[in-house]
């Protein structure tokens, strides 16, 4: 059954969570970051009693552009194209999930105590060789085998071991708007009105417009 919080239960059926294999297909490979994002998204949907977002019923604010965001898109249905995946470039493995229907929101942050390299110190040795294209076939095979093993470990760990989870008061973003497009006076490319600047009396896109700054 759906459990909006650890100490509250109701009779709402538990949301259906996409299989991890779908997140792997979308992302391209198994890795700890993807697995953490998958776990966070599943926990959020369970706590918020939310099914996968067809339109904008669920909103996710992500504070990193790392691997876990791909899993969050697959599981929650929050995507950049629909406007319900909001990216804030803060460099944190932190995610806020908002249920528009109920107004409830939770923030899920990876615990500082969690470290994939501590789970398997050999990864720190193999990673630069694999990512730098210097690894042998045997080293690459070993690397991906270890990545799978860590992913399996993360899937088996408790919520408390992986994350700090708390209910928060969140300002619910307005729904995505569709703006009329107008041609840029210089390059001719159609540009949303919200991204057009007026320069010397002409409608100009950001790319073609001149930059002006006085240092603040």
N, C-alpha and C. Protein backbone atom coordinates (compact mmCIF):
# COMPACT_ATOMS: atom_id res chain seq x y z
N UNK A 1 0.84 -1.19 0.00
CA UNK A 1 0.00 0.00 0.00
C UNK A 1 0.87 1.25 0.00
N UNK A 2 0.27 2.35 -0.42
CA UNK A 2 1.00 3.61 -0.46
C UNK A 2 1.18 4.17 0.93
N UNK A 3 2.40 4.63 1.24
CA UNK A 3 2.71 5.20 2.55
C UNK A 3 3.29 6.58 2.37
N UNK A 4 2.47 7.65 2.50
CA UNK A 4 2.97 9.00 2.27
C UNK A 4 4.09 9.41 3.19
N UNK A 5 4.17 8.86 4.38
CA UNK A 5 5.25 9.16 5.31
C UNK A 5 5.50 7.92 6.14
N UNK A 6 6.66 7.80 6.80
CA UNK A 6 6.98 6.59 7.55
C UNK A 6 5.97 6.23 8.62
N UNK A 7 5.23 7.22 9.15
CA UNK A 7 4.31 6.94 10.25
C UNK A 7 2.85 7.11 9.85
N UNK A 8 2.55 7.16 8.55
CA UNK A 8 1.18 7.34 8.11
C UNK A 8 0.89 6.36 6.98
N UNK A 9 -0.25 5.70 7.04
CA UNK A 9 -0.61 4.71 6.03
C UNK A 9 -2.04 4.97 5.56
N UNK A 10 -2.31 4.66 4.32
CA UNK A 10 -3.69 4.72 3.83
C UNK A 10 -3.90 3.56 2.88
N UNK A 11 -5.06 3.56 2.23
CA UNK A 11 -5.41 2.42 1.38
C UNK A 11 -5.12 2.69 -0.09
N UNK A 12 -4.37 3.73 -0.40
CA UNK A 12 -4.03 4.03 -1.79
C UNK A 12 -3.07 2.98 -2.32
N UNK A 13 -3.35 2.39 -3.49
CA UNK A 13 -2.42 1.39 -4.04
C UNK A 13 -1.04 1.99 -4.26
N UNK A 14 -0.03 1.19 -4.06
CA UNK A 14 1.34 1.65 -4.27
C UNK A 14 1.55 1.97 -5.75
N UNK A 15 2.27 3.04 -6.05
CA UNK A 15 2.51 3.38 -7.46
C UNK A 15 3.36 2.33 -8.15
N UNK A 16 3.14 2.16 -9.43
CA UNK A 16 3.93 1.23 -10.22
C UNK A 16 5.25 1.91 -10.59
N UNK A 17 6.36 1.27 -10.29
CA UNK A 17 7.67 1.82 -10.56
C UNK A 17 8.27 1.12 -11.77
N UNK A 18 8.77 1.89 -12.73
CA UNK A 18 9.40 1.30 -13.91
C UNK A 18 10.58 0.42 -13.50
N UNK A 19 10.80 -0.68 -14.18
CA UNK A 19 11.95 -1.54 -13.85
C UNK A 19 13.27 -0.79 -14.05
N UNK A 20 14.25 -1.16 -13.23
CA UNK A 20 15.57 -0.54 -13.32
C UNK A 20 16.17 -0.72 -14.70
N UNK A 21 15.86 -1.83 -15.34
CA UNK A 21 16.40 -2.09 -16.68
C UNK A 21 16.02 -1.00 -17.67
N UNK A 22 14.86 -0.38 -17.50
CA UNK A 22 14.46 0.70 -18.41
C UNK A 22 15.33 1.93 -18.21
N UNK A 23 15.69 2.20 -16.96
CA UNK A 23 16.59 3.33 -16.69
C UNK A 23 17.97 3.06 -17.28
N UNK A 24 18.42 1.82 -17.19
CA UNK A 24 19.72 1.45 -17.75
C UNK A 24 19.72 1.61 -19.27
N UNK A 25 18.65 1.17 -19.92
CA UNK A 25 18.56 1.31 -21.38
C UNK A 25 18.59 2.79 -21.78
N UNK A 26 17.88 3.61 -21.04
CA UNK A 26 17.83 5.04 -21.35
C UNK A 26 19.19 5.70 -21.15
N UNK A 27 19.86 5.35 -20.05
CA UNK A 27 21.14 5.98 -19.70
C UNK A 27 22.30 5.41 -20.51
N UNK A 28 22.25 4.12 -20.78
CA UNK A 28 23.29 3.49 -21.57
C UNK A 28 24.16 2.51 -20.83
N UNK A 29 24.22 2.60 -19.50
CA UNK A 29 25.03 1.66 -18.73
C UNK A 29 24.60 1.70 -17.27
N UNK A 30 25.04 0.72 -16.51
CA UNK A 30 24.80 0.66 -15.07
C UNK A 30 25.91 1.42 -14.35
N UNK A 31 25.54 2.25 -13.37
CA UNK A 31 26.53 2.93 -12.56
C UNK A 31 25.90 3.33 -11.23
N UNK A 32 26.71 3.62 -10.23
CA UNK A 32 26.16 3.97 -8.91
C UNK A 32 25.25 5.19 -8.96
N UNK A 33 25.63 6.21 -9.73
CA UNK A 33 24.81 7.42 -9.79
C UNK A 33 23.42 7.15 -10.33
N UNK A 34 23.34 6.37 -11.39
CA UNK A 34 22.04 6.02 -11.97
C UNK A 34 21.20 5.27 -10.94
N UNK A 35 21.83 4.36 -10.22
CA UNK A 35 21.11 3.54 -9.24
C UNK A 35 20.59 4.40 -8.08
N UNK A 36 21.40 5.35 -7.64
CA UNK A 36 20.95 6.25 -6.58
C UNK A 36 19.75 7.07 -7.04
N UNK A 37 19.79 7.56 -8.27
CA UNK A 37 18.65 8.32 -8.79
C UNK A 37 17.40 7.46 -8.88
N UNK A 38 17.58 6.21 -9.29
CA UNK A 38 16.45 5.28 -9.38
C UNK A 38 15.83 5.05 -8.01
N UNK A 39 16.68 4.82 -7.01
CA UNK A 39 16.17 4.60 -5.66
C UNK A 39 15.45 5.85 -5.14
N UNK A 40 16.04 7.02 -5.36
CA UNK A 40 15.44 8.28 -4.88
C UNK A 40 14.07 8.50 -5.52
N UNK A 41 13.97 8.26 -6.82
CA UNK A 41 12.70 8.47 -7.51
C UNK A 41 11.63 7.51 -7.01
N UNK A 42 12.00 6.25 -6.80
CA UNK A 42 11.03 5.28 -6.30
C UNK A 42 10.54 5.62 -4.91
N UNK A 43 11.46 6.06 -4.05
CA UNK A 43 11.08 6.47 -2.70
C UNK A 43 10.13 7.66 -2.76
N UNK A 44 10.43 8.61 -3.62
CA UNK A 44 9.59 9.81 -3.73
C UNK A 44 8.18 9.47 -4.17
N UNK A 45 8.06 8.62 -5.18
CA UNK A 45 6.73 8.27 -5.66
C UNK A 45 5.93 7.53 -4.60
N UNK A 46 6.62 6.69 -3.83
CA UNK A 46 5.96 5.98 -2.74
C UNK A 46 5.50 6.94 -1.65
N UNK A 47 6.38 7.84 -1.25
CA UNK A 47 6.06 8.78 -0.17
C UNK A 47 4.97 9.76 -0.58
N UNK A 48 4.98 10.16 -1.86
CA UNK A 48 4.01 11.15 -2.33
C UNK A 48 2.75 10.52 -2.91
N UNK A 49 2.70 9.18 -2.91
CA UNK A 49 1.55 8.46 -3.47
C UNK A 49 1.25 8.93 -4.89
N UNK A 50 2.28 9.02 -5.69
CA UNK A 50 2.14 9.56 -7.04
C UNK A 50 2.49 8.51 -8.08
N UNK A 51 1.64 8.38 -9.09
CA UNK A 51 1.97 7.57 -10.25
C UNK A 51 2.92 8.35 -11.15
N UNK A 52 3.44 7.67 -12.15
CA UNK A 52 4.32 8.34 -13.10
C UNK A 52 3.59 9.49 -13.78
N UNK A 53 4.25 10.60 -13.92
CA UNK A 53 3.63 11.81 -14.42
C UNK A 53 3.35 11.72 -15.92
N UNK A 54 2.07 11.78 -16.28
CA UNK A 54 1.68 11.78 -17.69
C UNK A 54 1.83 13.18 -18.27
N UNK A 55 1.42 14.18 -17.48
CA UNK A 55 1.56 15.57 -17.90
C UNK A 55 2.52 16.25 -16.92
N UNK A 56 1.98 17.05 -15.99
CA UNK A 56 2.81 17.75 -15.01
C UNK A 56 2.31 17.51 -13.59
N UNK A 57 1.69 16.34 -13.37
CA UNK A 57 1.16 16.05 -12.04
C UNK A 57 2.26 16.01 -10.98
N UNK A 58 3.44 15.59 -11.39
CA UNK A 58 4.59 15.51 -10.50
C UNK A 58 5.66 16.46 -11.03
N UNK A 59 6.35 17.14 -10.12
CA UNK A 59 7.44 18.05 -10.49
C UNK A 59 8.70 17.60 -9.74
N UNK A 60 9.83 17.59 -10.43
CA UNK A 60 11.10 17.28 -9.78
C UNK A 60 12.08 18.42 -10.01
N UNK A 61 12.68 18.88 -8.93
CA UNK A 61 13.74 19.88 -9.01
C UNK A 61 15.05 19.16 -8.70
N UNK A 62 15.96 19.14 -9.67
CA UNK A 62 17.24 18.45 -9.50
C UNK A 62 18.35 19.50 -9.37
N UNK A 63 19.33 19.18 -8.54
CA UNK A 63 20.41 20.14 -8.27
C UNK A 63 21.75 19.66 -8.81
N UNK A 64 21.70 18.72 -9.74
CA UNK A 64 22.89 18.20 -10.42
C UNK A 64 22.49 17.76 -11.81
N UNK A 65 23.48 17.70 -12.71
CA UNK A 65 23.21 17.16 -14.04
C UNK A 65 23.85 15.78 -14.19
N UNK A 66 24.06 15.10 -13.08
CA UNK A 66 24.74 13.80 -13.08
C UNK A 66 23.80 12.66 -13.46
N UNK A 67 24.35 11.44 -13.44
CA UNK A 67 23.69 10.25 -13.97
C UNK A 67 22.30 9.99 -13.38
N UNK A 68 22.14 10.25 -12.09
CA UNK A 68 20.88 9.94 -11.43
C UNK A 68 19.67 10.62 -12.04
N UNK A 69 19.88 11.76 -12.70
CA UNK A 69 18.76 12.50 -13.29
C UNK A 69 18.11 11.69 -14.40
N UNK A 70 18.88 10.88 -15.12
CA UNK A 70 18.30 10.05 -16.17
C UNK A 70 17.31 9.04 -15.59
N UNK A 71 17.68 8.43 -14.47
CA UNK A 71 16.76 7.48 -13.83
C UNK A 71 15.52 8.20 -13.32
N UNK A 72 15.68 9.39 -12.80
CA UNK A 72 14.54 10.15 -12.29
C UNK A 72 13.56 10.45 -13.42
N UNK A 73 14.07 10.78 -14.59
CA UNK A 73 13.17 11.04 -15.73
C UNK A 73 12.38 9.78 -16.10
N UNK A 74 13.05 8.65 -16.14
CA UNK A 74 12.39 7.40 -16.53
C UNK A 74 11.32 7.01 -15.50
N UNK A 75 11.66 7.10 -14.22
CA UNK A 75 10.76 6.63 -13.17
C UNK A 75 9.59 7.60 -12.95
N UNK A 76 9.88 8.88 -12.86
CA UNK A 76 8.84 9.85 -12.49
C UNK A 76 8.04 10.38 -13.67
N UNK A 77 8.64 10.34 -14.87
CA UNK A 77 7.98 10.97 -16.01
C UNK A 77 8.19 12.47 -16.03
N UNK A 78 9.03 12.99 -15.14
CA UNK A 78 9.38 14.41 -15.16
C UNK A 78 10.50 14.61 -16.17
N UNK A 79 10.27 15.44 -17.17
CA UNK A 79 11.26 15.63 -18.23
C UNK A 79 11.38 17.12 -18.56
N UNK A 80 12.51 17.46 -19.16
CA UNK A 80 12.72 18.85 -19.56
C UNK A 80 11.70 19.27 -20.61
N UNK A 81 11.37 18.37 -21.52
CA UNK A 81 10.43 18.70 -22.58
C UNK A 81 9.03 19.02 -22.09
N UNK A 82 8.60 18.34 -21.02
CA UNK A 82 7.27 18.61 -20.45
C UNK A 82 7.29 19.81 -19.52
N UNK A 83 8.48 20.21 -19.09
CA UNK A 83 8.58 21.38 -18.22
C UNK A 83 8.45 21.07 -16.75
N UNK A 84 8.38 19.79 -16.39
CA UNK A 84 8.25 19.46 -14.97
C UNK A 84 9.52 18.86 -14.39
N UNK A 85 10.63 18.96 -15.14
CA UNK A 85 11.96 18.68 -14.60
C UNK A 85 12.71 20.01 -14.60
N UNK A 86 13.02 20.48 -13.42
CA UNK A 86 13.64 21.79 -13.27
C UNK A 86 15.07 21.60 -12.78
N UNK A 87 16.03 22.13 -13.52
CA UNK A 87 17.45 21.96 -13.21
C UNK A 87 18.00 23.21 -12.55
N UNK A 88 18.57 23.02 -11.38
CA UNK A 88 19.29 24.09 -10.68
C UNK A 88 20.74 23.66 -10.53
N UNK A 89 21.65 24.40 -11.10
CA UNK A 89 23.05 24.00 -11.18
C UNK A 89 23.77 24.31 -9.87
N UNK A 90 23.52 23.47 -8.85
CA UNK A 90 24.10 23.67 -7.53
C UNK A 90 25.14 22.62 -7.17
N UNK A 91 25.32 21.62 -8.02
CA UNK A 91 26.33 20.61 -7.78
C UNK A 91 26.05 19.69 -6.61
N UNK A 92 24.77 19.50 -6.28
CA UNK A 92 24.38 18.64 -5.15
C UNK A 92 23.58 17.46 -5.65
N UNK A 93 23.83 16.29 -5.07
CA UNK A 93 22.98 15.13 -5.36
C UNK A 93 21.75 15.24 -4.47
N UNK A 94 20.92 16.20 -4.82
CA UNK A 94 19.73 16.53 -4.04
C UNK A 94 18.55 16.72 -4.99
N UNK A 95 17.40 16.19 -4.59
CA UNK A 95 16.24 16.20 -5.46
C UNK A 95 14.99 16.54 -4.63
N UNK A 96 14.20 17.47 -5.12
CA UNK A 96 12.93 17.80 -4.49
C UNK A 96 11.80 17.34 -5.41
N UNK A 97 10.90 16.55 -4.86
CA UNK A 97 9.77 16.01 -5.61
C UNK A 97 8.48 16.62 -5.07
N UNK A 98 7.64 17.11 -5.97
CA UNK A 98 6.41 17.81 -5.57
C UNK A 98 5.21 17.16 -6.25
N UNK A 99 4.20 16.84 -5.47
CA UNK A 99 2.94 16.32 -5.98
C UNK A 99 1.98 17.49 -6.11
N UNK A 100 1.68 17.91 -7.34
CA UNK A 100 0.79 19.06 -7.54
C UNK A 100 -0.60 18.80 -6.95
N UNK A 101 -1.06 17.57 -7.03
CA UNK A 101 -2.42 17.26 -6.59
C UNK A 101 -2.61 17.49 -5.10
N UNK A 102 -1.61 17.08 -4.31
CA UNK A 102 -1.74 17.19 -2.86
C UNK A 102 -0.97 18.37 -2.28
N UNK A 103 -0.02 18.91 -3.05
CA UNK A 103 0.82 19.98 -2.53
C UNK A 103 1.97 19.49 -1.67
N UNK A 104 2.06 18.17 -1.48
CA UNK A 104 3.14 17.62 -0.66
C UNK A 104 4.46 17.61 -1.43
N UNK A 105 5.56 17.76 -0.70
CA UNK A 105 6.87 17.76 -1.32
C UNK A 105 7.88 17.12 -0.37
N UNK A 106 8.84 16.41 -0.95
CA UNK A 106 9.93 15.86 -0.14
C UNK A 106 11.25 16.16 -0.82
N UNK A 107 12.28 16.30 -0.01
CA UNK A 107 13.63 16.53 -0.49
C UNK A 107 14.48 15.32 -0.11
N UNK A 108 15.17 14.77 -1.09
CA UNK A 108 16.00 13.58 -0.89
C UNK A 108 17.43 13.94 -1.25
N UNK A 109 18.34 13.75 -0.28
CA UNK A 109 19.74 14.12 -0.47
C UNK A 109 20.61 12.91 -0.16
N UNK A 110 21.58 12.62 -1.02
CA UNK A 110 22.50 11.52 -0.76
C UNK A 110 23.32 11.80 0.48
N UNK A 111 23.41 10.83 1.37
CA UNK A 111 24.15 11.00 2.62
C UNK A 111 25.64 11.22 2.36
N UNK A 112 26.27 12.13 3.13
CA UNK A 112 27.73 12.32 2.99
C UNK A 112 28.51 11.05 3.27
N UNK A 113 27.93 10.16 4.07
CA UNK A 113 28.64 8.93 4.43
C UNK A 113 28.68 7.91 3.30
N UNK A 114 27.84 8.12 2.26
CA UNK A 114 27.83 7.16 1.16
C UNK A 114 28.95 7.48 0.18
N UNK A 115 29.70 6.45 -0.21
CA UNK A 115 30.76 6.61 -1.19
C UNK A 115 30.91 5.31 -1.98
N UNK A 116 30.73 5.39 -3.29
CA UNK A 116 30.91 4.20 -4.12
C UNK A 116 32.35 3.71 -4.06
N UNK A 117 33.29 4.64 -4.00
CA UNK A 117 34.70 4.25 -3.94
C UNK A 117 35.05 3.54 -2.64
N UNK A 118 34.34 3.90 -1.56
CA UNK A 118 34.58 3.19 -0.31
C UNK A 118 33.96 1.80 -0.33
N UNK A 119 32.86 1.65 -1.05
CA UNK A 119 32.27 0.32 -1.21
C UNK A 119 33.21 -0.59 -1.98
N UNK A 120 33.96 -0.02 -2.92
CA UNK A 120 34.92 -0.79 -3.70
C UNK A 120 36.09 0.12 -4.07
N UNK A 121 37.13 0.17 -3.26
CA UNK A 121 38.27 1.07 -3.52
C UNK A 121 38.96 0.84 -4.86
N UNK A 122 38.80 -0.36 -5.44
CA UNK A 122 39.45 -0.63 -6.73
C UNK A 122 38.89 0.26 -7.84
N UNK A 123 37.68 0.76 -7.66
CA UNK A 123 37.09 1.64 -8.68
C UNK A 123 37.92 2.90 -8.88
N UNK A 124 38.43 3.46 -7.78
CA UNK A 124 39.22 4.69 -7.89
C UNK A 124 40.46 4.48 -8.75
N UNK A 125 40.99 3.26 -8.74
CA UNK A 125 42.16 2.95 -9.56
C UNK A 125 41.77 2.73 -11.01
N UNK A 126 40.65 2.06 -11.23
CA UNK A 126 40.26 1.70 -12.59
C UNK A 126 39.60 2.86 -13.35
N UNK A 127 38.86 3.71 -12.64
CA UNK A 127 38.05 4.72 -13.31
C UNK A 127 38.87 5.63 -14.24
N UNK A 128 39.96 6.24 -13.79
CA UNK A 128 40.68 7.13 -14.71
C UNK A 128 41.25 6.41 -15.93
N UNK A 129 41.61 5.15 -15.79
CA UNK A 129 42.14 4.41 -16.94
C UNK A 129 41.02 4.10 -17.93
N UNK A 130 39.84 3.72 -17.41
CA UNK A 130 38.72 3.41 -18.30
C UNK A 130 38.21 4.67 -18.98
N UNK A 131 37.98 5.72 -18.21
CA UNK A 131 37.44 6.97 -18.76
C UNK A 131 38.46 7.66 -19.68
N UNK A 132 39.74 7.42 -19.41
CA UNK A 132 40.77 8.04 -20.24
C UNK A 132 41.13 7.23 -21.47
N UNK A 133 40.48 6.08 -21.67
CA UNK A 133 40.73 5.26 -22.84
C UNK A 133 42.05 4.50 -22.79
N UNK A 134 42.61 4.35 -21.59
CA UNK A 134 43.91 3.69 -21.45
C UNK A 134 43.79 2.27 -20.91
N UNK A 135 42.60 1.84 -20.54
CA UNK A 135 42.42 0.53 -19.91
C UNK A 135 42.53 -0.59 -20.92
N UNK A 136 43.01 -1.72 -20.45
CA UNK A 136 43.02 -2.93 -21.27
C UNK A 136 41.60 -3.50 -21.32
N UNK A 137 41.38 -4.47 -22.18
CA UNK A 137 40.08 -5.12 -22.25
C UNK A 137 39.74 -5.77 -20.91
N UNK A 138 40.72 -6.36 -20.26
CA UNK A 138 40.50 -7.00 -18.97
C UNK A 138 40.13 -5.97 -17.90
N UNK A 139 40.79 -4.82 -17.93
CA UNK A 139 40.48 -3.77 -16.95
C UNK A 139 39.08 -3.21 -17.17
N UNK A 140 38.70 -3.02 -18.42
CA UNK A 140 37.35 -2.53 -18.69
C UNK A 140 36.30 -3.52 -18.22
N UNK A 141 36.52 -4.79 -18.49
CA UNK A 141 35.57 -5.82 -18.05
C UNK A 141 35.47 -5.83 -16.53
N UNK A 142 36.60 -5.71 -15.86
CA UNK A 142 36.60 -5.69 -14.41
C UNK A 142 35.87 -4.47 -13.88
N UNK A 143 36.11 -3.33 -14.53
CA UNK A 143 35.47 -2.08 -14.10
C UNK A 143 33.95 -2.20 -14.14
N UNK A 144 33.41 -2.65 -15.27
CA UNK A 144 31.96 -2.73 -15.40
C UNK A 144 31.37 -3.83 -14.52
N UNK A 145 32.13 -4.86 -14.26
CA UNK A 145 31.67 -5.88 -13.33
C UNK A 145 31.55 -5.30 -11.93
N UNK A 146 32.52 -4.49 -11.54
CA UNK A 146 32.48 -3.86 -10.22
C UNK A 146 31.37 -2.81 -10.13
N UNK A 147 31.13 -2.10 -11.22
CA UNK A 147 30.04 -1.12 -11.24
C UNK A 147 28.69 -1.82 -11.03
N UNK A 148 28.51 -2.96 -11.68
CA UNK A 148 27.27 -3.73 -11.50
C UNK A 148 27.14 -4.20 -10.06
N UNK A 149 28.25 -4.65 -9.47
CA UNK A 149 28.20 -5.15 -8.09
C UNK A 149 27.83 -4.03 -7.12
N UNK A 150 28.36 -2.83 -7.32
CA UNK A 150 28.02 -1.71 -6.45
C UNK A 150 26.56 -1.32 -6.64
N UNK A 151 26.10 -1.35 -7.88
CA UNK A 151 24.69 -1.06 -8.15
C UNK A 151 23.79 -2.05 -7.42
N UNK A 152 24.14 -3.32 -7.45
CA UNK A 152 23.36 -4.33 -6.74
C UNK A 152 23.35 -4.05 -5.24
N UNK A 153 24.49 -3.61 -4.71
CA UNK A 153 24.57 -3.28 -3.28
C UNK A 153 23.67 -2.11 -2.94
N UNK A 154 23.68 -1.07 -3.78
CA UNK A 154 22.83 0.10 -3.55
C UNK A 154 21.36 -0.28 -3.57
N UNK A 155 20.98 -1.16 -4.48
CA UNK A 155 19.58 -1.58 -4.55
C UNK A 155 19.15 -2.31 -3.28
N UNK A 156 20.10 -2.93 -2.59
CA UNK A 156 19.78 -3.70 -1.39
C UNK A 156 19.88 -2.87 -0.10
N UNK A 157 20.46 -1.68 -0.19
CA UNK A 157 20.66 -0.85 1.01
C UNK A 157 19.35 -0.19 1.43
N UNK A 158 19.26 0.17 2.70
CA UNK A 158 18.06 0.82 3.21
C UNK A 158 18.04 2.30 2.80
N UNK A 159 16.86 2.88 2.85
CA UNK A 159 16.71 4.31 2.55
C UNK A 159 17.60 5.14 3.46
N UNK A 160 17.64 4.77 4.73
CA UNK A 160 18.39 5.55 5.72
C UNK A 160 19.89 5.50 5.47
N UNK A 161 20.38 4.40 4.94
CA UNK A 161 21.80 4.29 4.63
C UNK A 161 22.20 5.19 3.46
N UNK A 162 21.28 5.37 2.53
CA UNK A 162 21.59 6.10 1.31
C UNK A 162 21.29 7.59 1.38
N UNK A 163 20.15 7.93 2.02
CA UNK A 163 19.63 9.29 1.88
C UNK A 163 19.21 9.92 3.21
N UNK A 164 19.18 11.25 3.17
CA UNK A 164 18.43 12.03 4.15
C UNK A 164 17.14 12.46 3.46
N UNK A 165 16.01 12.12 4.06
CA UNK A 165 14.71 12.36 3.43
C UNK A 165 13.86 13.19 4.39
N UNK A 166 13.32 14.29 3.90
CA UNK A 166 12.46 15.10 4.77
C UNK A 166 11.36 15.76 3.95
N UNK A 167 10.22 15.94 4.60
CA UNK A 167 9.15 16.70 3.98
C UNK A 167 9.50 18.17 4.02
N UNK A 168 9.17 18.88 2.95
CA UNK A 168 9.50 20.31 2.87
C UNK A 168 8.30 21.09 2.37
N UNK A 169 8.33 22.38 2.65
CA UNK A 169 7.37 23.30 2.06
C UNK A 169 7.99 23.82 0.78
N UNK A 170 7.37 23.57 -0.34
CA UNK A 170 7.94 23.96 -1.62
C UNK A 170 6.98 24.87 -2.38
N UNK A 171 7.55 25.89 -3.01
CA UNK A 171 6.76 26.71 -3.91
C UNK A 171 6.53 25.91 -5.19
N UNK A 172 5.28 25.64 -5.48
CA UNK A 172 4.98 24.82 -6.65
C UNK A 172 5.15 25.66 -7.91
N UNK A 173 6.07 25.26 -8.79
CA UNK A 173 6.29 26.04 -10.02
C UNK A 173 5.02 26.08 -10.88
N UNK A 174 4.83 27.18 -11.58
CA UNK A 174 3.69 27.24 -12.49
C UNK A 174 3.89 26.23 -13.61
N UNK A 175 2.81 25.84 -14.20
CA UNK A 175 2.89 24.89 -15.30
C UNK A 175 3.63 25.51 -16.48
N UNK A 176 4.26 24.66 -17.27
CA UNK A 176 5.01 25.14 -18.42
C UNK A 176 4.09 25.90 -19.38
N UNK A 177 4.59 27.00 -19.90
CA UNK A 177 3.82 27.82 -20.83
C UNK A 177 4.36 27.66 -22.24
N UNK A 178 3.48 27.77 -23.22
CA UNK A 178 3.86 27.73 -24.62
C UNK A 178 3.84 29.15 -25.15
N UNK A 179 4.97 29.63 -25.60
CA UNK A 179 5.09 31.00 -26.09
C UNK A 179 5.07 31.04 -27.61
N UNK A 180 4.57 32.13 -28.14
CA UNK A 180 4.62 32.35 -29.59
C UNK A 180 6.08 32.55 -30.00
N UNK A 181 6.44 32.05 -31.16
CA UNK A 181 7.79 32.23 -31.68
C UNK A 181 7.82 33.35 -32.70
N UNK A 182 8.91 34.10 -32.68
CA UNK A 182 9.09 35.19 -33.63
C UNK A 182 10.49 35.05 -34.25
N UNK A 183 10.68 35.51 -35.49
CA UNK A 183 12.00 35.38 -36.11
C UNK A 183 12.98 36.40 -35.55
N UNK A 184 14.20 35.95 -35.34
CA UNK A 184 15.27 36.86 -34.95
C UNK A 184 15.59 37.76 -36.15
N UNK A 185 15.75 39.05 -35.91
CA UNK A 185 16.00 39.99 -36.99
C UNK A 185 17.35 39.79 -37.65
N UNK A 186 18.25 39.03 -37.00
CA UNK A 186 19.60 38.86 -37.56
C UNK A 186 19.83 37.48 -38.18
N UNK A 187 19.53 36.43 -37.41
CA UNK A 187 19.78 35.09 -37.97
C UNK A 187 18.54 34.50 -38.63
N UNK A 188 17.38 35.07 -38.34
CA UNK A 188 16.14 34.59 -38.96
C UNK A 188 15.52 33.39 -38.30
N UNK A 189 16.18 32.82 -37.27
CA UNK A 189 15.67 31.62 -36.63
C UNK A 189 14.51 31.96 -35.69
N UNK A 190 13.48 31.08 -35.69
CA UNK A 190 12.32 31.31 -34.84
C UNK A 190 12.71 31.12 -33.38
N UNK A 191 12.30 32.06 -32.55
CA UNK A 191 12.70 32.09 -31.14
C UNK A 191 11.49 32.41 -30.27
N UNK A 192 11.36 31.71 -29.15
CA UNK A 192 10.24 31.98 -28.24
C UNK A 192 10.28 33.42 -27.76
N UNK A 193 9.12 34.04 -27.68
CA UNK A 193 9.04 35.44 -27.25
C UNK A 193 9.73 35.67 -25.91
N UNK A 194 9.67 34.66 -25.04
CA UNK A 194 10.27 34.81 -23.71
C UNK A 194 11.79 34.86 -23.77
N UNK A 195 12.39 34.53 -24.91
CA UNK A 195 13.84 34.51 -25.06
C UNK A 195 14.33 35.52 -26.11
N UNK A 196 13.50 36.47 -26.41
CA UNK A 196 13.86 37.52 -27.37
C UNK A 196 14.24 38.79 -26.62
N UNK A 197 15.26 39.47 -27.13
CA UNK A 197 15.64 40.78 -26.60
C UNK A 197 15.33 41.85 -27.64
N UNK A 198 15.05 43.05 -27.14
CA UNK A 198 14.86 44.19 -28.03
C UNK A 198 16.16 44.97 -28.06
N UNK A 199 16.78 45.04 -29.25
CA UNK A 199 18.08 45.69 -29.38
C UNK A 199 18.04 46.60 -30.60
N UNK A 200 18.23 47.90 -30.35
CA UNK A 200 18.14 48.90 -31.42
C UNK A 200 16.83 48.79 -32.19
N UNK A 201 15.77 48.50 -31.44
CA UNK A 201 14.44 48.42 -32.04
C UNK A 201 14.15 47.13 -32.76
N UNK A 202 15.08 46.15 -32.72
CA UNK A 202 14.88 44.88 -33.40
C UNK A 202 14.70 43.75 -32.40
N UNK A 203 13.89 42.74 -32.79
CA UNK A 203 13.76 41.53 -31.99
C UNK A 203 14.94 40.61 -32.30
N UNK A 204 15.77 40.38 -31.30
CA UNK A 204 17.02 39.65 -31.50
C UNK A 204 17.10 38.50 -30.49
N UNK A 205 17.55 37.31 -30.94
CA UNK A 205 17.72 36.18 -30.04
C UNK A 205 18.95 36.39 -29.16
N UNK A 206 19.06 35.59 -28.09
CA UNK A 206 20.18 35.72 -27.16
C UNK A 206 21.52 35.53 -27.87
N UNK A 207 21.56 34.59 -28.82
CA UNK A 207 22.81 34.28 -29.50
C UNK A 207 23.32 35.46 -30.31
N UNK A 208 22.41 36.17 -30.94
CA UNK A 208 22.81 37.28 -31.81
C UNK A 208 22.95 38.61 -31.08
N UNK A 209 22.39 38.71 -29.89
CA UNK A 209 22.41 39.99 -29.19
C UNK A 209 23.78 40.25 -28.59
N UNK A 210 24.11 41.51 -28.42
CA UNK A 210 25.38 41.88 -27.81
C UNK A 210 25.33 41.74 -26.31
N UNK A 211 26.46 41.36 -25.72
CA UNK A 211 26.53 41.22 -24.26
C UNK A 211 26.90 42.56 -23.64
N UNK A 212 26.17 42.91 -22.57
CA UNK A 212 26.48 44.14 -21.85
C UNK A 212 26.56 43.85 -20.36
N UNK A 213 27.65 44.26 -19.74
CA UNK A 213 27.80 44.04 -18.31
C UNK A 213 28.72 45.12 -17.74
N UNK A 214 28.42 45.51 -16.50
CA UNK A 214 29.31 46.43 -15.79
C UNK A 214 29.94 45.74 -14.58
N UNK A 215 29.92 44.40 -14.64
CA UNK A 215 30.60 43.62 -13.61
C UNK A 215 29.74 43.17 -12.46
N UNK A 216 28.42 43.40 -12.55
CA UNK A 216 27.53 42.88 -11.51
C UNK A 216 26.22 42.44 -12.11
